Amino acid sequence: MPSLTESLERLGLRSPVIQAPMAGGGDTPALVAAVNEAGGLGFVGAAYLTGEQIAERGLAIRQRTALPFGINLFAPTPAPGPAPGPAPMMAEAMARLRPFHAELGLPEAEEPAYGGDAFDRQVAALLDSGAAFYSVTFGLPPAESVTAAKARGMRVLGTATTVAEAVALERTGVDAVIAQGSEAGGHRGSFIGDPAANLVGTMALVPQVADAVGVPVIASGGIMDGRGIAAALALGATAVQMGTVFLTTGEAGIPEAHKAAILAAREDQTRITRAFSGRPARGIVNRFMETVEDPQALEAVLPFPLQNTLTRPLRTAAGKAGRAEFLSLWAGQGLTLAQRRPAGELVAELLRGTEEVRRRLAV
């Protein structure tokens, strides 16, 4: 069995710490650069960026650090059924937002439309961005994108929430599989079967994936400190991908209300919801989530990306106004371990904590 150092070198990593991509603005160039300079790997969640914005983000990062960074995209998104969906469904979804728009003084919500998939343009920009890693969530990376990325010397990663998804990703030629446990904050990366049923915890998922594939495994979900990193490595992971712990750093680009909500929440206050984007994602329960996602009225939530488009103006305004009750407060189940600190200081502490635990267990 290869050593941890050998496994890291195989992936081109300097340490086991990877800052998770956080589409929507959380992973600023300052955050990515700070993580890199402290010894980790910074990542950009570029799923909502245009090709031009990806190019700009890559340049902004390269101006801050010469070290490798990654870019994540959502797998190609098919049109969400008969556009824009049944009229009653659209009417109900818009009606749920009407009082919230009025409360914030916003004009009435506009009916969202599917604008087509931008994946090909995003990949073209990614290839020229200077990124060293290309990862995909919500599906398999198209074969041509894998070939093109590897031709540029990039390493390709894919996100799996089950063993079946991990095996499917390995067959596409990925260099590593990100095993996302059910504890993880933000969107669930499921793409085979029912996402609501693919809720395997990180400690159960990682060793099963490690046994099922021949490529390195990156653990993700509920990992917040050196104890969690050491545990993931013991289970067969080569590295870990961490999101929530970086959201409360000074460099993170989320609204202050989101940071405050993470720091104030209990470990039992997150749940998986479709209310904000139409896809299952874990966040802190708030008024918007409880009002919009009614188990007795499933038609109140549109499929992705329509629901995401519909709720974006409200979320943007809520962030500016500091209204956490209307924000998608993405966070994982380990959120009570989050602290306010600079990202570089956090990475240094994560690496120190990991080594301390590993030394203690080796005695």
Protein backbone atom coordinates (compact mmCIF):
# COMPACT_ATOMS: atom_id res chain seq x y z
CA MET A 1 0.00 0.00 0.00
CA PRO A 2 1.45 3.40 -0.94
CA SER A 3 2.31 5.83 1.86
CA LEU A 4 0.32 9.01 2.42
CA THR A 5 3.15 11.03 0.89
CA GLU A 6 3.17 8.83 -2.22
CA SER A 7 -0.62 9.07 -2.54
CA LEU A 8 -0.52 12.86 -2.24
CA GLU A 9 2.23 13.09 -4.83
CA ARG A 10 0.16 10.95 -7.17
CA LEU A 11 -2.55 13.61 -7.03
CA GLY A 12 -0.20 16.56 -7.09
CA LEU A 13 -1.18 17.65 -3.57
CA ARG A 14 1.14 19.13 -0.96
CA SER A 15 -1.12 18.17 1.96
CA PRO A 16 -4.43 16.36 2.61
CA VAL A 17 -6.39 19.65 2.95
CA ILE A 18 -8.60 20.72 0.05
CA GLN A 19 -10.91 23.72 0.36
CA ALA A 20 -14.22 22.68 -1.19
CA PRO A 21 -15.59 24.58 -4.18
CA MET A 22 -18.54 26.74 -3.08
CA ALA A 23 -20.53 27.99 -6.06
CA GLY A 24 -22.22 31.28 -5.40
CA GLY A 25 -19.30 33.39 -4.23
CA GLY A 26 -18.01 31.80 -1.03
CA ASP A 27 -14.65 30.85 -2.51
CA THR A 28 -13.18 34.25 -3.36
CA PRO A 29 -9.75 34.60 -5.04
CA ALA A 30 -8.46 35.77 -1.65
CA LEU A 31 -9.69 32.56 0.01
CA VAL A 32 -8.26 30.28 -2.68
CA ALA A 33 -4.90 32.04 -2.55
CA ALA A 34 -4.74 32.02 1.25
CA VAL A 35 -5.47 28.28 1.37
CA ASN A 36 -2.79 27.62 -1.25
CA GLU A 37 -0.13 29.71 0.45
CA ALA A 38 -0.76 27.93 3.76
CA GLY A 39 -0.24 24.48 2.25
CA GLY A 40 -3.73 23.40 1.14
CA LEU A 41 -5.44 23.33 -2.25
CA GLY A 42 -7.92 26.09 -3.03
CA PHE A 43 -10.89 25.48 -5.30
CA VAL A 44 -13.35 27.66 -7.23
CA GLY A 45 -17.00 26.68 -7.54
CA ALA A 46 -17.63 28.01 -11.06
CA ALA A 47 -20.98 26.41 -11.84
CA TYR A 48 -22.81 29.77 -11.96
CA LEU A 49 -20.01 31.70 -13.69
CA THR A 50 -19.85 32.54 -17.40
CA GLY A 51 -16.81 31.69 -19.44
CA GLU A 52 -15.63 35.30 -19.15
CA GLN A 53 -16.06 35.25 -15.38
CA ILE A 54 -14.10 31.99 -15.10
CA ALA A 55 -11.24 33.61 -17.02
CA GLU A 56 -11.37 36.63 -14.71
CA ARG A 57 -11.43 34.44 -11.60
CA GLY A 58 -8.45 32.43 -12.80
CA LEU A 59 -6.46 35.60 -13.47
CA ALA A 60 -7.36 37.05 -10.05
CA ILE A 61 -6.11 33.88 -8.35
CA ARG A 62 -2.90 33.70 -10.38
CA GLN A 63 -2.16 37.29 -9.41
CA ARG A 64 -2.27 36.22 -5.74
CA THR A 65 -0.56 32.83 -5.86
CA ALA A 66 1.58 30.80 -8.23
CA LEU A 67 0.49 27.55 -6.61
CA PRO A 68 -1.98 25.09 -8.21
CA PHE A 69 -5.73 25.60 -7.76
CA GLY A 70 -8.88 23.85 -8.95
CA ILE A 71 -12.15 24.71 -10.66
CA ASN A 72 -15.42 22.81 -10.18
CA LEU A 73 -18.35 22.65 -12.60
CA PHE A 74 -21.76 21.01 -12.47
CA ALA A 75 -22.11 18.21 -15.02
CA PRO A 76 -24.18 19.20 -18.08
CA THR A 77 -27.72 20.07 -16.98
CA PRO A 78 -30.59 18.81 -19.16
CA ALA A 79 -33.65 20.98 -19.67
CA PRO A 80 -36.05 20.52 -16.70
CA GLY A 81 -38.85 18.68 -18.49
CA PRO A 82 -41.54 20.40 -20.56
CA ALA A 83 -40.58 24.05 -20.21
CA PRO A 84 -41.37 25.72 -17.98
CA GLY A 85 -43.36 22.93 -16.33
CA PRO A 86 -47.09 22.68 -15.55
CA ALA A 87 -48.67 26.10 -15.14
CA PRO A 88 -50.13 25.34 -11.67
CA MET A 89 -46.66 24.30 -10.50
CA MET A 90 -45.12 27.56 -11.68
CA ALA A 91 -47.96 29.61 -10.21
CA GLU A 92 -47.67 27.91 -6.82
CA ALA A 93 -43.89 28.36 -6.70
CA MET A 94 -44.19 32.06 -7.48
CA ALA A 95 -47.02 32.53 -4.99
CA ARG A 96 -44.81 31.16 -2.20
CA LEU A 97 -42.26 33.91 -2.87
CA ARG A 98 -44.72 36.80 -3.15
CA PRO A 99 -44.93 37.69 0.57
CA PHE A 100 -41.16 37.49 0.97
CA HIS A 101 -40.59 39.85 -1.94
CA ALA A 102 -43.10 42.25 -0.44
CA GLU A 103 -41.39 42.05 2.97
CA LEU A 104 -38.07 43.10 1.43
CA GLY A 105 -39.63 45.70 -0.85
CA LEU A 106 -38.78 43.80 -4.02
CA PRO A 107 -40.88 43.74 -7.20
CA GLU A 108 -42.91 40.60 -7.77
CA ALA A 109 -40.86 37.59 -8.81
CA GLU A 110 -40.50 36.99 -12.53
CA GLU A 111 -41.27 33.62 -14.07
CA PRO A 112 -37.94 31.80 -14.54
CA ALA A 113 -36.95 30.33 -17.88
CA TYR A 114 -34.36 27.71 -18.76
CA GLY A 115 -31.48 29.52 -20.41
CA GLY A 116 -29.70 26.48 -21.80
CA ASP A 117 -26.62 24.70 -20.56
CA ALA A 118 -23.34 26.65 -20.49
CA PHE A 119 -21.10 23.67 -19.72
CA ASP A 120 -19.15 23.64 -23.00
CA ARG A 121 -18.31 27.33 -22.73
CA GLN A 122 -17.34 26.90 -19.09
CA VAL A 123 -15.01 24.00 -19.89
CA ALA A 124 -13.33 26.00 -22.65
CA ALA A 125 -12.64 28.81 -20.17
CA LEU A 126 -11.52 26.36 -17.48
CA LEU A 127 -8.94 24.82 -19.80
CA ASP A 128 -7.35 28.24 -20.35
CA SER A 129 -7.70 29.45 -16.75
CA GLY A 130 -4.41 28.15 -15.40
CA ALA A 131 -6.19 25.69 -13.08
CA ALA A 132 -4.43 22.41 -12.29
CA PHE A 133 -7.56 20.51 -11.16
CA TYR A 134 -10.95 20.07 -12.81
CA SER A 135 -13.79 18.57 -10.76
CA VAL A 136 -17.38 17.76 -11.61
CA THR A 137 -20.46 17.44 -9.41
CA PHE A 138 -23.94 16.01 -10.24
CA GLY A 139 -22.79 13.53 -12.84
CA LEU A 140 -20.03 12.09 -14.99
CA PRO A 141 -17.55 14.40 -16.67
CA PRO A 142 -18.05 14.19 -20.45
CA ALA A 143 -15.31 12.11 -22.07
CA GLU A 144 -14.13 14.94 -24.30
CA SER A 145 -13.69 17.23 -21.30
CA VAL A 146 -11.62 14.61 -19.48
CA THR A 147 -9.40 14.13 -22.53
CA ALA A 148 -8.97 17.87 -23.02
CA ALA A 149 -8.18 18.48 -19.34
CA LYS A 150 -5.60 15.70 -19.18
CA ALA A 151 -3.99 16.98 -22.37
CA ARG A 152 -3.36 20.21 -20.43
CA GLY A 153 -1.81 18.26 -17.55
CA MET A 154 -4.84 18.77 -15.31
CA ARG A 155 -6.09 16.20 -12.82
CA VAL A 156 -9.78 15.31 -13.03
CA LEU A 157 -11.98 14.65 -9.97
CA GLY A 158 -15.59 13.53 -9.67
CA THR A 159 -18.09 13.60 -6.78
CA ALA A 160 -19.86 10.44 -5.61
CA THR A 161 -22.40 9.82 -2.86
CA THR A 162 -22.55 6.04 -3.33
CA VAL A 163 -20.22 3.21 -4.32
CA ALA A 164 -22.07 2.84 -7.65
CA GLU A 165 -21.41 6.47 -8.49
CA ALA A 166 -17.74 6.10 -7.53
CA VAL A 167 -17.32 3.09 -9.81
CA ALA A 168 -19.03 4.92 -12.67
CA LEU A 169 -16.70 7.89 -12.20
CA GLU A 170 -13.61 5.69 -12.21
CA ARG A 171 -14.69 4.27 -15.56
CA THR A 172 -14.69 7.77 -17.06
CA GLY A 173 -11.00 8.14 -16.24
CA VAL A 174 -11.06 10.46 -13.22
CA ASP A 175 -7.84 10.71 -11.22
CA ALA A 176 -9.67 10.63 -7.87
CA VAL A 177 -13.17 10.23 -6.45
CA ILE A 178 -14.60 12.67 -3.90
CA ALA A 179 -16.73 10.57 -1.53
CA GLN A 180 -19.39 12.97 -0.24
CA GLY A 181 -21.05 11.80 2.96
CA SER A 182 -24.54 12.81 3.98
CA GLU A 183 -23.15 15.19 6.63
CA ALA A 184 -21.80 17.54 3.95
CA GLY A 185 -23.16 21.06 3.62
CA GLY A 186 -24.47 22.43 0.35
CA HIS A 187 -25.68 20.46 -2.63
CA ARG A 188 -25.76 16.68 -2.64
CA GLY A 189 -23.71 15.40 -5.57
CA SER A 190 -25.96 12.40 -6.28
CA PHE A 191 -26.57 11.36 -9.88
CA ILE A 192 -27.57 7.67 -9.74
CA GLY A 193 -30.84 6.78 -8.04
CA ASP A 194 -32.83 8.91 -5.62
CA PRO A 195 -30.73 11.65 -3.94
CA ALA A 196 -33.06 11.47 -0.93
CA ALA A 197 -32.04 7.84 -0.44
CA ASN A 198 -28.31 8.33 -1.09
CA LEU A 199 -27.58 9.51 2.44
CA VAL A 200 -24.63 7.37 3.44
CA GLY A 201 -22.48 8.93 6.16
CA THR A 202 -18.84 9.80 5.51
CA MET A 203 -17.38 7.18 7.88
CA ALA A 204 -19.43 4.45 6.20
CA LEU A 205 -18.97 5.68 2.63
CA VAL A 206 -15.21 6.34 2.47
CA PRO A 207 -13.90 2.81 3.23
CA GLN A 208 -16.47 1.24 0.91
CA VAL A 209 -15.48 3.55 -1.93
CA ALA A 210 -11.78 3.02 -1.19
CA ASP A 211 -12.31 -0.74 -1.51
CA ALA A 212 -14.33 -0.41 -4.72
CA VAL A 213 -12.07 1.83 -6.83
CA GLY A 214 -8.39 1.88 -7.70
CA VAL A 215 -7.99 5.65 -7.76
CA PRO A 216 -7.38 7.82 -4.67
CA VAL A 217 -10.39 8.78 -2.58
CA ILE A 218 -11.03 12.25 -1.16
CA ALA A 219 -13.35 12.31 1.87
CA SER A 220 -15.96 15.04 2.19
CA GLY A 221 -18.70 15.71 4.72
CA GLY A 222 -18.64 16.74 8.38
CA ILE A 223 -14.84 17.08 8.55
CA MET A 224 -13.91 20.20 10.51
CA ASP A 225 -10.56 19.65 12.25
CA GLY A 226 -7.46 17.49 12.50
CA ARG A 227 -9.40 14.71 14.23
CA GLY A 228 -11.73 14.42 11.26
CA ILE A 229 -8.88 14.54 8.76
CA ALA A 230 -6.94 11.82 10.59
CA ALA A 231 -10.07 9.67 10.77
CA ALA A 232 -10.65 10.02 7.03
CA LEU A 233 -7.05 9.06 6.29
CA ALA A 234 -7.41 6.02 8.56
CA LEU A 235 -10.50 4.98 6.59
CA GLY A 236 -8.57 4.93 3.33
CA ALA A 237 -8.82 8.50 2.05
CA THR A 238 -5.81 10.28 0.57
CA ALA A 239 -7.15 13.75 1.30
CA VAL A 240 -10.24 15.57 2.54
CA GLN A 241 -12.42 18.25 0.98
CA MET A 242 -13.75 20.75 3.55
CA GLY A 243 -16.33 23.48 2.99
CA THR A 244 -18.20 24.62 6.09
CA VAL A 245 -15.04 25.21 8.12
CA PHE A 246 -13.86 27.75 5.52
CA LEU A 247 -17.17 29.67 5.35
CA THR A 248 -16.48 31.58 8.56
CA THR A 249 -12.98 32.69 7.59
CA GLY A 250 -12.34 36.35 6.88
CA GLU A 251 -11.69 35.64 3.20
CA ALA A 252 -14.96 33.78 2.55
CA GLY A 253 -17.37 35.73 0.35
CA ILE A 254 -20.70 34.74 1.90
CA PRO A 255 -22.88 37.39 3.62
CA GLU A 256 -22.10 38.17 7.25
CA ALA A 257 -25.59 36.95 8.17
CA HIS A 258 -24.66 33.50 6.82
CA LYS A 259 -21.44 33.41 8.84
CA ALA A 260 -23.27 34.47 12.00
CA ALA A 261 -25.91 31.79 11.45
CA ILE A 262 -23.25 29.07 11.22
CA LEU A 263 -21.54 30.25 14.39
CA ALA A 264 -24.84 30.38 16.31
CA ALA A 265 -26.38 27.10 15.13
CA ARG A 266 -26.54 23.74 16.89
CA GLU A 267 -25.47 20.48 15.29
CA ASP A 268 -29.11 19.38 14.85
CA GLN A 269 -30.28 22.51 13.03
CA THR A 270 -29.38 21.53 9.47
CA ARG A 271 -31.45 19.53 7.04
CA ILE A 272 -31.58 18.72 3.36
CA THR A 273 -33.88 20.92 1.31
CA ARG A 274 -34.84 21.65 -2.30
CA ALA A 275 -36.43 25.00 -1.45
CA PHE A 276 -33.68 27.26 -2.73
CA SER A 277 -32.38 25.61 -5.89
CA GLY A 278 -34.61 22.67 -6.75
CA ARG A 279 -31.80 20.23 -5.92
CA PRO A 280 -31.25 18.59 -2.52
CA ALA A 281 -28.79 20.57 -0.41
CA ARG A 282 -27.97 20.71 3.31
CA GLY A 283 -28.37 24.01 5.12
CA ILE A 284 -29.47 25.58 8.39
CA VAL A 285 -33.23 25.51 8.76
CA ASN A 286 -34.82 28.97 8.41
CA ARG A 287 -38.20 30.54 7.70
CA PHE A 288 -37.89 30.38 3.92
CA MET A 289 -37.09 26.67 3.99
CA GLU A 290 -39.98 25.85 6.32
CA THR A 291 -42.50 27.93 4.37
CA VAL A 292 -41.58 27.03 0.80
CA GLU A 293 -40.87 23.33 1.14
CA ASP A 294 -44.20 21.87 2.21
CA PRO A 295 -44.34 18.04 2.13
CA GLN A 296 -48.05 18.36 1.38
CA ALA A 297 -47.42 20.67 -1.61
CA LEU A 298 -44.37 19.39 -3.47
CA GLU A 299 -45.39 21.44 -6.50
CA ALA A 300 -44.26 24.56 -4.63
CA VAL A 301 -40.62 23.80 -5.58
CA LEU A 302 -39.56 23.88 -9.23
CA PRO A 303 -36.82 21.63 -10.65
CA PHE A 304 -33.23 22.91 -10.96
CA PRO A 305 -32.25 25.35 -12.39
CA LEU A 306 -35.69 27.05 -12.47
CA GLN A 307 -36.08 27.22 -8.67
CA ASN A 308 -32.53 28.54 -8.35
CA THR A 309 -33.27 31.30 -10.85
CA LEU A 310 -36.59 32.11 -9.19
CA THR A 311 -35.11 32.54 -5.70
CA ARG A 312 -31.88 34.32 -6.67
CA PRO A 313 -33.19 37.93 -6.47
CA LEU A 314 -34.59 37.30 -2.99
CA ARG A 315 -31.38 35.67 -1.79
CA THR A 316 -29.26 38.49 -3.19
CA ALA A 317 -31.39 41.15 -1.52
CA ALA A 318 -31.47 39.22 1.76
CA GLY A 319 -27.68 39.00 1.80
CA LYS A 320 -27.37 42.76 1.41
CA ALA A 321 -30.01 43.37 4.09
CA GLY A 322 -28.59 40.83 6.53
CA ARG A 323 -31.79 38.77 6.55
CA ALA A 324 -30.66 35.22 7.27
CA GLU A 325 -34.24 33.91 7.20
CA PHE A 326 -34.24 34.23 3.39
CA LEU A 327 -30.71 32.98 2.66
CA SER A 328 -29.59 29.53 1.58
CA LEU A 329 -27.53 28.92 4.73
CA TRP A 330 -25.49 26.02 3.41
CA ALA A 331 -23.60 24.23 6.19
CA GLY A 332 -22.67 20.69 7.18
CA GLN A 333 -23.43 18.82 10.37
CA GLY A 334 -20.05 19.68 11.91
CA LEU A 335 -20.87 23.40 11.94
CA THR A 336 -20.49 23.91 15.71
CA LEU A 337 -16.73 23.44 15.23
CA ALA A 338 -16.51 26.49 12.94
CA GLN A 339 -14.61 29.55 14.15
CA ARG A 340 -13.78 33.04 12.92
CA ARG A 341 -10.15 33.10 11.79
CA PRO A 342 -8.02 33.87 8.75
CA ALA A 343 -7.94 31.05 6.20
CA GLY A 344 -4.17 30.67 6.34
CA GLU A 345 -4.27 30.30 10.11
CA LEU A 346 -7.04 27.72 9.77
CA VAL A 347 -5.10 25.58 7.28
CA ALA A 348 -2.02 25.67 9.50
CA GLU A 349 -4.10 24.53 12.47
CA LEU A 350 -5.74 21.75 10.43
CA LEU A 351 -2.34 20.41 9.38
CA ARG A 352 -0.94 20.63 12.92
CA GLY A 353 -4.01 18.95 14.38
CA THR A 354 -3.86 16.12 11.87
CA GLU A 355 -0.24 15.35 12.64
CA GLU A 356 -0.85 15.48 16.38
CA VAL A 357 -3.66 12.92 16.14
CA ARG A 358 -1.68 10.63 13.85
CA ARG A 359 1.34 10.72 16.17
CA ARG A 360 -0.85 10.00 19.18
CA LEU A 361 -2.49 7.03 17.48
CA ALA A 362 0.89 5.64 16.36
CA VAL A 363 2.10 5.29 19.96
